Structures are given as structure tokens and as C-alpha cells.
C-alpha atoms as a PDB file:
ATOM      1  CA  MET A   1       0.056  -0.036  -0.054  1.00  0.00           C
ATOM      2  CA  THR A   2       1.137   3.534  -0.766  1.00  0.00           C
ATOM      3  CA  SER A   3       0.089   6.329   1.528  1.00  0.00           C
ATOM      4  CA  TYR A   4      -0.999   9.684   0.130  1.00  0.00           C
ATOM      5  CA  GLU A   5       1.814  11.239   2.180  1.00  0.00           C
ATOM      6  CA  VAL A   6       4.474   9.620  -0.006  1.00  0.00           C
ATOM      7  CA  ILE A   7       2.777  11.059  -3.127  1.00  0.00           C
ATOM      8  CA  TYR A   8       2.352  14.577  -1.445  1.00  0.00           C
ATOM      9  CA  ASN A   9       5.959  14.538  -0.311  1.00  0.00           C
ATOM     10  CA  THR A  10       7.098  13.728  -3.784  1.00  0.00           C
ATOM     11  CA  ALA A  11       5.167  16.596  -5.234  1.00  0.00           C
ATOM     12  CA  LEU A  12       6.329  19.057  -2.598  1.00  0.00           C
ATOM     13  CA  SER A  13       9.835  18.277  -3.239  1.00  0.00           C
ATOM     14  CA  LYS A  14       9.411  19.595  -6.789  1.00  0.00           C
ATOM     15  CA  ILE A  15       7.597  22.867  -5.661  1.00  0.00           C
ATOM     16  CA  THR A  16       9.509  25.750  -4.094  1.00  0.00           C
ATOM     17  CA  ASP A  17       6.767  28.112  -2.835  1.00  0.00           C
ATOM     18  CA  PRO A  18       7.276  29.474   0.656  1.00  0.00           C
ATOM     19  CA  GLN A  19       3.657  30.345   0.776  1.00  0.00           C
ATOM     20  CA  LEU A  20       2.749  26.577   1.131  1.00  0.00           C
ATOM     21  CA  ALA A  21       4.922  26.343   4.157  1.00  0.00           C
ATOM     22  CA  ILE A  22       2.820  28.817   6.204  1.00  0.00           C
ATOM     23  CA  LEU A  23      -0.575  27.333   5.270  1.00  0.00           C
ATOM     24  CA  PRO A  24      -2.427  25.352   7.992  1.00  0.00           C
ATOM     25  CA  ASP A  25      -1.998  21.602   7.514  1.00  0.00           C
ATOM     26  CA  GLU A  26      -5.592  21.116   6.732  1.00  0.00           C
ATOM     27  CA  ASP A  27      -5.583  23.737   3.927  1.00  0.00           C
ATOM     28  CA  LEU A  28      -2.383  22.301   2.489  1.00  0.00           C
ATOM     29  CA  GLU A  29      -3.589  18.754   2.602  1.00  0.00           C
ATOM     30  CA  GLY A  30      -6.748  19.874   0.762  1.00  0.00           C
ATOM     31  CA  MET A  31      -4.776  21.497  -2.020  1.00  0.00           C
ATOM     32  CA  LEU A  32      -2.477  18.440  -2.262  1.00  0.00           C
ATOM     33  CA  TYR A  33      -5.445  16.121  -2.512  1.00  0.00           C
ATOM     34  CA  GLY A  34      -6.948  18.209  -5.261  1.00  0.00           C
ATOM     35  CA  TRP A  35      -3.684  18.209  -7.221  1.00  0.00           C
ATOM     36  CA  MET A  36      -3.471  14.494  -6.686  1.00  0.00           C
ATOM     37  CA  LYS A  37      -6.952  13.811  -8.059  1.00  0.00           C
ATOM     38  CA  SER A  38      -6.178  15.880 -11.174  1.00  0.00           C
ATOM     39  CA  ALA A  39      -2.852  14.138 -11.577  1.00  0.00           C
ATOM     40  CA  ILE A  40      -4.632  10.704 -11.265  1.00  0.00           C
ATOM     41  CA  ALA A  41      -7.002  11.713 -14.056  1.00  0.00           C
ATOM     42  CA  LYS A  42      -4.140  12.770 -16.358  1.00  0.00           C
ATOM     43  CA  HIS A  43      -1.979   9.639 -15.721  1.00  0.00           C
ATOM     44  CA  ARG A  44      -3.769   7.617 -18.336  1.00  0.00           C
ATOM     45  CA  LYS A  45      -1.030   5.086 -19.132  1.00  0.00           C
ATOM     46  CA  CYS A  46      -0.607   3.768 -15.542  1.00  0.00           C
ATOM     47  CA  THR A  47      -0.686   0.060 -15.331  1.00  0.00           C
ATOM     48  CA  SER A  48      -1.921   0.210 -11.629  1.00  0.00           C
ATOM     49  CA  ASP A  49      -5.630   0.894 -10.787  1.00  0.00           C
ATOM     50  CA  LEU A  50      -5.343   4.337  -9.202  1.00  0.00           C
ATOM     51  CA  SER A  51      -9.030   4.302  -8.289  1.00  0.00           C
ATOM     52  CA  ASP A  52      -8.167   1.514  -5.781  1.00  0.00           C
ATOM     53  CA  ARG A  53      -7.652   3.839  -2.824  1.00  0.00           C
ATOM     54  CA  ASP A  54      -9.173   4.626   0.538  1.00  0.00           C
ATOM     55  CA  ASP A  55      -9.670   8.360   1.077  1.00  0.00           C
ATOM     56  CA  GLU A  56     -10.414   7.804   4.729  1.00  0.00           C
ATOM     57  CA  LEU A  57      -7.091   5.945   5.503  1.00  0.00           C
ATOM     58  CA  LYS A  58      -5.420   8.230   2.980  1.00  0.00           C
ATOM     59  CA  GLN A  59      -3.852   5.556   1.066  1.00  0.00           C
ATOM     60  CA  PHE A  60      -3.749   3.527  -2.227  1.00  0.00           C
ATOM     61  CA  ASN A  61      -4.817  -0.088  -1.545  1.00  0.00           C
ATOM     62  CA  ILE A  62      -1.987  -1.159  -3.836  1.00  0.00           C
ATOM     63  CA  ALA A  63       1.790  -0.525  -3.776  1.00  0.00           C
ATOM     64  CA  LEU A  64       2.626   1.981  -6.368  1.00  0.00           C
ATOM     65  CA  THR A  65       6.012   1.708  -8.112  1.00  0.00           C
ATOM     66  CA  ASP A  66       8.603   4.376  -7.697  1.00  0.00           C
ATOM     67  CA  LEU A  67       8.039   5.362 -11.285  1.00  0.00           C
ATOM     68  CA  GLU A  68       4.210   5.800 -10.743  1.00  0.00           C
ATOM     69  CA  ILE A  69       4.969   7.799  -7.587  1.00  0.00           C
ATOM     70  CA  GLU A  70       7.349  10.058  -9.494  1.00  0.00           C
ATOM     71  CA  ILE A  71       4.901  10.591 -12.309  1.00  0.00           C
ATOM     72  CA  LEU A  72       2.114  11.472  -9.906  1.00  0.00           C
ATOM     73  CA  GLY A  73       4.392  13.933  -8.214  1.00  0.00           C
ATOM     74  CA  ILE A  74       5.354  15.663 -11.457  1.00  0.00           C
ATOM     75  CA  LEU A  75       1.835  15.808 -12.498  1.00  0.00           C
ATOM     76  CA  MET A  76       0.840  17.415  -9.153  1.00  0.00           C
ATOM     77  CA  ALA A  77       3.582  19.964  -9.430  1.00  0.00           C
ATOM     78  CA  ARG A  78       2.266  20.808 -12.944  1.00  0.00           C
ATOM     79  CA  GLU A  79      -1.183  21.433 -11.406  1.00  0.00           C
ATOM     80  CA  TRP A  80       0.424  23.859  -8.929  1.00  0.00           C
ATOM     81  CA  VAL A  81       2.321  25.617 -11.732  1.00  0.00           C
ATOM     82  CA  SER A  82      -0.832  26.011 -13.853  1.00  0.00           C
ATOM     83  CA  GLY A  83      -2.551  27.595 -10.868  1.00  0.00           C
ATOM     84  CA  GLN A  84       0.312  30.097 -10.524  1.00  0.00           C
ATOM     85  CA  LEU A  85       0.074  30.982 -14.221  1.00  0.00           C
ATOM     86  CA  LEU A  86      -3.523  31.612 -13.981  1.00  0.00           C
END
């Protein structure tokens, strides 16, 4: 199983925005979750079933590969960038 926190940390390692650091944890997690959902929708060639997840436990019910985690992190960072450009 892969926790959302692993995905979130991968995305955050690619984003250098000091404003995110001062957000309340609940707000930041809400933003990260939204970016992750968008990233999942855009990761069409994933061999794992990304819909197999538990939002209450905040985890995927499968073990994602390092490549899948990295791709989701990049796609989440891209969601952040597009928000900055708008």
C-alpha cells in the first residue's frame, strides 16, 4: 500500500513556494489532495488501478512503483504551476 503522504512529499519536493509552508496543515492537505486527483485523471498510461484507494485511510490499496509515484508527483507539481500561471 502507498500512503498519500508519499505522493504528497514527492510533489512538494518539486515545488519551491514558501507560501505553502505557512498554510495550515488542513488547507495544504486539501490542496495536495485536489492536485493528486487531477494528476490521477491525467496519468492515463498507468498500469496500476489508481482508483483502488481509501480516502479515509489516505492511502492507495496497492503498492505503487517508484515510477508511478514520481509521475504523480510531477503531474501534481504541474497542477500547482498551472494555478500560478492563471
